[in-house]
Amino acid sequence: MVQKKRKGRVVQMPQTEENQIRARARSLPIGRCYITRGWEESREGNVIVTRMHKQGGVTVGAFLVDLALLGIKDSTYRFNLSQEEYADFLNKMHAKDAMEETDYVLAHNLIYGALEYAESFRIKPHKDFSVSRYILEEDTEEIPLMDIEFGVEGVPTIFTSNQDPRTGLKST
């Protein structure tokens, strides 16, 4: 007797923010990018990369990048923020650090360069980078490579004092 094949059920994955970013973010056009002013001197800065939705929403990836050694120290993401939510997000970032607009090529090189430098010392990126990396373009030859110094004068360095190297003020 020949058995009939049953058609399989299609199980849809829950539409979590993480799944949306993994599945759709790279198909969205890149929007504005920002970086902390003074990142070259402090060897650390926040890098923000946005992706624009057709209906006006914004997907955002924020990366705290340590160029001295630690790589991606923090990472966060938001999918399809309204313009108001996006403005609030940027205002909070600007209140924390003075930010300036930059181009995507610099943002990409800083993030992936810091990641690679840290990984050469077996330092792993922040856990949320496993999702926020999908807001970035893949690290391929299509993105021009920039010459950026990692470490401090080429030497891997950890800042251990409670003094913020960007401001000279003691941390609490």
C-alpha atoms as a PDB file:
ATOM      1  CA  MET A   1       0.000   0.000   0.000  1.00  0.00           C
ATOM      2  CA  VAL A   2       1.329   3.404  -0.960  1.00  0.00           C
ATOM      3  CA  GLN A   3       1.188   6.027   1.745  1.00  0.00           C
ATOM      4  CA  LYS A   4       0.173   9.530   0.879  1.00  0.00           C
ATOM      5  CA  LYS A   5       2.647  12.182   1.766  1.00  0.00           C
ATOM      6  CA  ARG A   6       1.311  14.747   4.167  1.00  0.00           C
ATOM      7  CA  LYS A   7       2.035  18.310   3.396  1.00  0.00           C
ATOM      8  CA  GLY A   8       4.217  19.787   6.085  1.00  0.00           C
ATOM      9  CA  ARG A   9       3.083  22.678   8.167  1.00  0.00           C
ATOM     10  CA  VAL A  10       4.948  25.922   7.841  1.00  0.00           C
ATOM     11  CA  VAL A  11       5.911  27.166  11.258  1.00  0.00           C
ATOM     12  CA  GLN A  12       6.492  30.881  11.377  1.00  0.00           C
ATOM     13  CA  MET A  13       9.160  32.221  13.705  1.00  0.00           C
ATOM     14  CA  PRO A  14       8.021  34.797  16.236  1.00  0.00           C
ATOM     15  CA  GLN A  15       8.536  38.317  14.895  1.00  0.00           C
ATOM     16  CA  THR A  16      10.905  39.471  17.605  1.00  0.00           C
ATOM     17  CA  GLU A  17      13.013  42.575  17.177  1.00  0.00           C
ATOM     18  CA  GLU A  18      16.093  40.354  16.913  1.00  0.00           C
ATOM     19  CA  ASN A  19      14.568  38.198  14.149  1.00  0.00           C
ATOM     20  CA  GLN A  20      13.436  41.302  12.249  1.00  0.00           C
ATOM     21  CA  ILE A  21      16.948  42.752  12.356  1.00  0.00           C
ATOM     22  CA  ARG A  22      18.599  39.500  11.286  1.00  0.00           C
ATOM     23  CA  ALA A  23      16.143  39.017   8.425  1.00  0.00           C
ATOM     24  CA  ARG A  24      15.591  42.549   7.134  1.00  0.00           C
ATOM     25  CA  ALA A  25      18.091  45.161   8.311  1.00  0.00           C
ATOM     26  CA  ARG A  26      20.692  44.644   5.586  1.00  0.00           C
ATOM     27  CA  SER A  27      18.046  45.076   2.897  1.00  0.00           C
ATOM     28  CA  LEU A  28      17.275  48.604   4.143  1.00  0.00           C
ATOM     29  CA  PRO A  29      19.267  51.585   2.851  1.00  0.00           C
ATOM     30  CA  ILE A  30      21.917  53.000   5.174  1.00  0.00           C
ATOM     31  CA  GLY A  31      20.958  56.309   6.748  1.00  0.00           C
ATOM     32  CA  ARG A  32      22.989  58.695   8.856  1.00  0.00           C
ATOM     33  CA  CYS A  33      25.939  57.618  10.961  1.00  0.00           C
ATOM     34  CA  TYR A  34      27.403  59.331  14.023  1.00  0.00           C
ATOM     35  CA  ILE A  35      30.530  59.044  16.131  1.00  0.00           C
ATOM     36  CA  THR A  36      31.690  60.469  19.462  1.00  0.00           C
ATOM     37  CA  ARG A  37      33.782  63.605  19.039  1.00  0.00           C
ATOM     38  CA  GLY A  38      37.376  63.106  20.166  1.00  0.00           C
ATOM     39  CA  TRP A  39      37.401  59.335  19.570  1.00  0.00           C
ATOM     40  CA  GLU A  40      40.895  59.510  18.092  1.00  0.00           C
ATOM     41  CA  GLU A  41      42.394  60.947  21.278  1.00  0.00           C
ATOM     42  CA  SER A  42      40.363  58.911  23.769  1.00  0.00           C
ATOM     43  CA  ARG A  43      40.685  55.664  21.722  1.00  0.00           C
ATOM     44  CA  GLU A  44      37.006  55.016  22.481  1.00  0.00           C
ATOM     45  CA  GLY A  45      33.679  56.202  21.171  1.00  0.00           C
ATOM     46  CA  ASN A  46      30.082  55.449  20.381  1.00  0.00           C
ATOM     47  CA  VAL A  47      29.326  54.721  16.745  1.00  0.00           C
ATOM     48  CA  ILE A  48      25.722  54.882  15.535  1.00  0.00           C
ATOM     49  CA  VAL A  49      24.568  53.396  12.232  1.00  0.00           C
ATOM     50  CA  THR A  50      21.008  53.773  10.948  1.00  0.00           C
ATOM     51  CA  ARG A  51      18.907  52.001   8.333  1.00  0.00           C
ATOM     52  CA  MET A  52      15.905  53.741   6.806  1.00  0.00           C
ATOM     53  CA  HIS A  53      12.464  52.157   6.284  1.00  0.00           C
ATOM     54  CA  LYS A  54      10.250  53.193   3.345  1.00  0.00           C
ATOM     55  CA  GLN A  55       7.475  54.333   5.680  1.00  0.00           C
ATOM     56  CA  GLY A  56       9.837  56.617   7.612  1.00  0.00           C
ATOM     57  CA  GLY A  57      10.912  54.319  10.438  1.00  0.00           C
ATOM     58  CA  VAL A  58      14.544  53.994  11.494  1.00  0.00           C
ATOM     59  CA  THR A  59      16.499  50.939  12.599  1.00  0.00           C
ATOM     60  CA  VAL A  60      19.453  51.871  14.780  1.00  0.00           C
ATOM     61  CA  GLY A  61      22.625  50.112  15.874  1.00  0.00           C
ATOM     62  CA  ALA A  62      24.851  51.690  18.524  1.00  0.00           C
ATOM     63  CA  PHE A  63      28.319  50.355  19.256  1.00  0.00           C
ATOM     64  CA  LEU A  64      30.682  51.411  22.056  1.00  0.00           C
ATOM     65  CA  VAL A  65      34.040  50.818  20.388  1.00  0.00           C
ATOM     66  CA  ASP A  66      37.366  50.620  22.245  1.00  0.00           C
ATOM     67  CA  LEU A  67      40.243  51.014  19.801  1.00  0.00           C
ATOM     68  CA  ALA A  68      42.892  50.521  22.489  1.00  0.00           C
ATOM     69  CA  LEU A  69      42.150  46.808  23.043  1.00  0.00           C
ATOM     70  CA  LEU A  70      38.656  45.769  24.114  1.00  0.00           C
ATOM     71  CA  GLY A  71      36.833  46.080  20.771  1.00  0.00           C
ATOM     72  CA  ILE A  72      33.030  46.166  20.957  1.00  0.00           C
ATOM     73  CA  LYS A  73      32.468  46.943  24.647  1.00  0.00           C
ATOM     74  CA  ASP A  74      28.731  47.510  24.311  1.00  0.00           C
ATOM     75  CA  SER A  75      26.127  47.254  21.609  1.00  0.00           C
ATOM     76  CA  THR A  76      22.439  47.950  21.332  1.00  0.00           C
ATOM     77  CA  TYR A  77      19.833  47.942  18.593  1.00  0.00           C
ATOM     78  CA  ARG A  78      16.310  49.137  17.898  1.00  0.00           C
ATOM     79  CA  PHE A  79      14.132  48.079  14.981  1.00  0.00           C
ATOM     80  CA  ASN A  80      11.813  50.438  13.095  1.00  0.00           C
ATOM     81  CA  LEU A  81      11.670  53.356  15.528  1.00  0.00           C
ATOM     82  CA  SER A  82       9.273  56.172  14.766  1.00  0.00           C
ATOM     83  CA  GLN A  83      10.876  59.534  13.990  1.00  0.00           C
ATOM     84  CA  GLU A  84      10.017  60.687  17.534  1.00  0.00           C
ATOM     85  CA  GLU A  85      11.564  57.591  19.134  1.00  0.00           C
ATOM     86  CA  TYR A  86      14.636  58.006  16.946  1.00  0.00           C
ATOM     87  CA  ALA A  87      14.984  61.674  17.947  1.00  0.00           C
ATOM     88  CA  ASP A  88      14.744  60.660  21.637  1.00  0.00           C
ATOM     89  CA  PHE A  89      17.393  57.964  21.113  1.00  0.00           C
ATOM     90  CA  LEU A  90      19.762  60.454  19.463  1.00  0.00           C
ATOM     91  CA  ASN A  91      19.149  63.078  22.155  1.00  0.00           C
ATOM     92  CA  LYS A  92      20.094  60.553  24.852  1.00  0.00           C
ATOM     93  CA  MET A  93      23.257  59.632  22.970  1.00  0.00           C
ATOM     94  CA  HIS A  94      24.165  63.310  22.427  1.00  0.00           C
ATOM     95  CA  ALA A  95      23.552  64.030  26.132  1.00  0.00           C
ATOM     96  CA  LYS A  96      25.967  61.234  27.059  1.00  0.00           C
ATOM     97  CA  ASP A  97      28.684  62.123  24.511  1.00  0.00           C
ATOM     98  CA  ALA A  98      29.076  64.921  21.990  1.00  0.00           C
ATOM     99  CA  MET A  99      28.391  63.250  18.657  1.00  0.00           C
ATOM    100  CA  GLU A 100      29.122  64.306  15.095  1.00  0.00           C
ATOM    101  CA  GLU A 101      27.912  62.950  11.801  1.00  0.00           C
ATOM    102  CA  THR A 102      30.308  60.689   9.897  1.00  0.00           C
ATOM    103  CA  ASP A 103      30.195  58.558   6.785  1.00  0.00           C
ATOM    104  CA  TYR A 104      29.385  54.864   6.789  1.00  0.00           C
ATOM    105  CA  VAL A 105      32.859  53.806   5.597  1.00  0.00           C
ATOM    106  CA  LEU A 106      34.531  55.250   8.712  1.00  0.00           C
ATOM    107  CA  ALA A 107      31.851  53.786  11.003  1.00  0.00           C
ATOM    108  CA  HIS A 108      32.255  50.359   9.382  1.00  0.00           C
ATOM    109  CA  ASN A 109      36.070  50.439   9.585  1.00  0.00           C
ATOM    110  CA  LEU A 110      36.067  51.502  13.242  1.00  0.00           C
ATOM    111  CA  ILE A 111      33.611  48.804  14.300  1.00  0.00           C
ATOM    112  CA  TYR A 112      35.055  45.898  12.332  1.00  0.00           C
ATOM    113  CA  GLY A 113      38.655  47.046  12.911  1.00  0.00           C
ATOM    114  CA  ALA A 114      38.162  47.201  16.680  1.00  0.00           C
ATOM    115  CA  LEU A 115      36.401  43.830  16.570  1.00  0.00           C
ATOM    116  CA  GLU A 116      39.269  42.216  14.660  1.00  0.00           C
ATOM    117  CA  TYR A 117      41.930  43.824  16.872  1.00  0.00           C
ATOM    118  CA  ALA A 118      40.232  42.612  20.063  1.00  0.00           C
ATOM    119  CA  GLU A 119      39.663  39.135  18.633  1.00  0.00           C
ATOM    120  CA  SER A 120      43.408  38.880  17.891  1.00  0.00           C
ATOM    121  CA  PHE A 121      43.788  38.923  21.708  1.00  0.00           C
ATOM    122  CA  ARG A 122      40.851  36.497  22.144  1.00  0.00           C
ATOM    123  CA  ILE A 123      38.563  39.223  23.446  1.00  0.00           C
ATOM    124  CA  LYS A 124      34.960  38.648  22.430  1.00  0.00           C
ATOM    125  CA  PRO A 125      32.537  41.431  21.494  1.00  0.00           C
ATOM    126  CA  HIS A 126      29.538  42.398  23.618  1.00  0.00           C
ATOM    127  CA  LYS A 127      26.855  39.691  23.463  1.00  0.00           C
ATOM    128  CA  ASP A 128      24.335  41.906  21.640  1.00  0.00           C
ATOM    129  CA  PHE A 129      26.751  42.331  18.727  1.00  0.00           C
ATOM    130  CA  SER A 130      25.481  38.952  17.496  1.00  0.00           C
ATOM    131  CA  VAL A 131      22.294  40.815  16.503  1.00  0.00           C
ATOM    132  CA  SER A 132      23.435  44.416  15.977  1.00  0.00           C
ATOM    133  CA  ARG A 133      26.051  43.278  13.430  1.00  0.00           C
ATOM    134  CA  TYR A 134      23.165  42.758  10.983  1.00  0.00           C
ATOM    135  CA  ILE A 135      22.585  46.516  10.929  1.00  0.00           C
ATOM    136  CA  LEU A 136      26.064  46.821   9.411  1.00  0.00           C
ATOM    137  CA  GLU A 137      26.988  45.775   5.907  1.00  0.00           C
ATOM    138  CA  GLU A 138      28.922  42.527   5.733  1.00  0.00           C
ATOM    139  CA  ASP A 139      32.657  43.060   6.090  1.00  0.00           C
ATOM    140  CA  THR A 140      33.670  42.472   2.483  1.00  0.00           C
ATOM    141  CA  GLU A 141      36.047  43.966  -0.080  1.00  0.00           C
ATOM    142  CA  GLU A 142      33.207  46.240  -1.253  1.00  0.00           C
ATOM    143  CA  ILE A 143      33.766  48.536   1.743  1.00  0.00           C
ATOM    144  CA  PRO A 144      37.033  50.462   1.284  1.00  0.00           C
ATOM    145  CA  LEU A 145      39.602  49.620   3.947  1.00  0.00           C
ATOM    146  CA  MET A 146      40.889  52.581   5.964  1.00  0.00           C
ATOM    147  CA  ASP A 147      44.191  52.820   7.802  1.00  0.00           C
ATOM    148  CA  ILE A 148      43.178  53.239  11.459  1.00  0.00           C
ATOM    149  CA  GLU A 149      45.568  52.761  14.368  1.00  0.00           C
ATOM    150  CA  PHE A 150      44.458  50.323  17.038  1.00  0.00           C
ATOM    151  CA  GLY A 151      46.078  50.106  20.445  1.00  0.00           C
ATOM    152  CA  VAL A 152      47.948  53.137  21.758  1.00  0.00           C
ATOM    153  CA  GLU A 153      50.944  53.803  19.534  1.00  0.00           C
ATOM    154  CA  GLY A 154      50.452  50.256  18.273  1.00  0.00           C
ATOM    155  CA  VAL A 155      50.481  48.683  21.751  1.00  0.00           C
ATOM    156  CA  PRO A 156      47.355  47.005  23.207  1.00  0.00           C
ATOM    157  CA  THR A 157      46.283  49.133  26.167  1.00  0.00           C
ATOM    158  CA  ILE A 158      43.684  48.974  28.931  1.00  0.00           C
ATOM    159  CA  PHE A 159      42.816  52.131  30.827  1.00  0.00           C
ATOM    160  CA  THR A 160      42.579  51.085  34.478  1.00  0.00           C
ATOM    161  CA  SER A 161      42.201  54.340  36.385  1.00  0.00           C
ATOM    162  CA  ASN A 162      38.876  55.708  37.480  1.00  0.00           C
ATOM    163  CA  GLN A 163      39.643  58.825  35.476  1.00  0.00           C
ATOM    164  CA  ASP A 164      37.796  59.235  32.193  1.00  0.00           C
ATOM    165  CA  PRO A 165      40.500  59.817  29.531  1.00  0.00           C
ATOM    166  CA  ARG A 166      38.037  61.851  27.457  1.00  0.00           C
ATOM    167  CA  THR A 167      37.241  64.437  30.122  1.00  0.00           C
ATOM    168  CA  GLY A 168      39.920  64.091  32.784  1.00  0.00           C
ATOM    169  CA  LEU A 169      37.166  63.771  35.406  1.00  0.00           C
ATOM    170  CA  LYS A 170      37.026  61.005  37.996  1.00  0.00           C
ATOM    171  CA  SER A 171      34.330  58.402  37.411  1.00  0.00           C
ATOM    172  CA  THR A 172      31.915  57.661  40.220  1.00  0.00           C
END
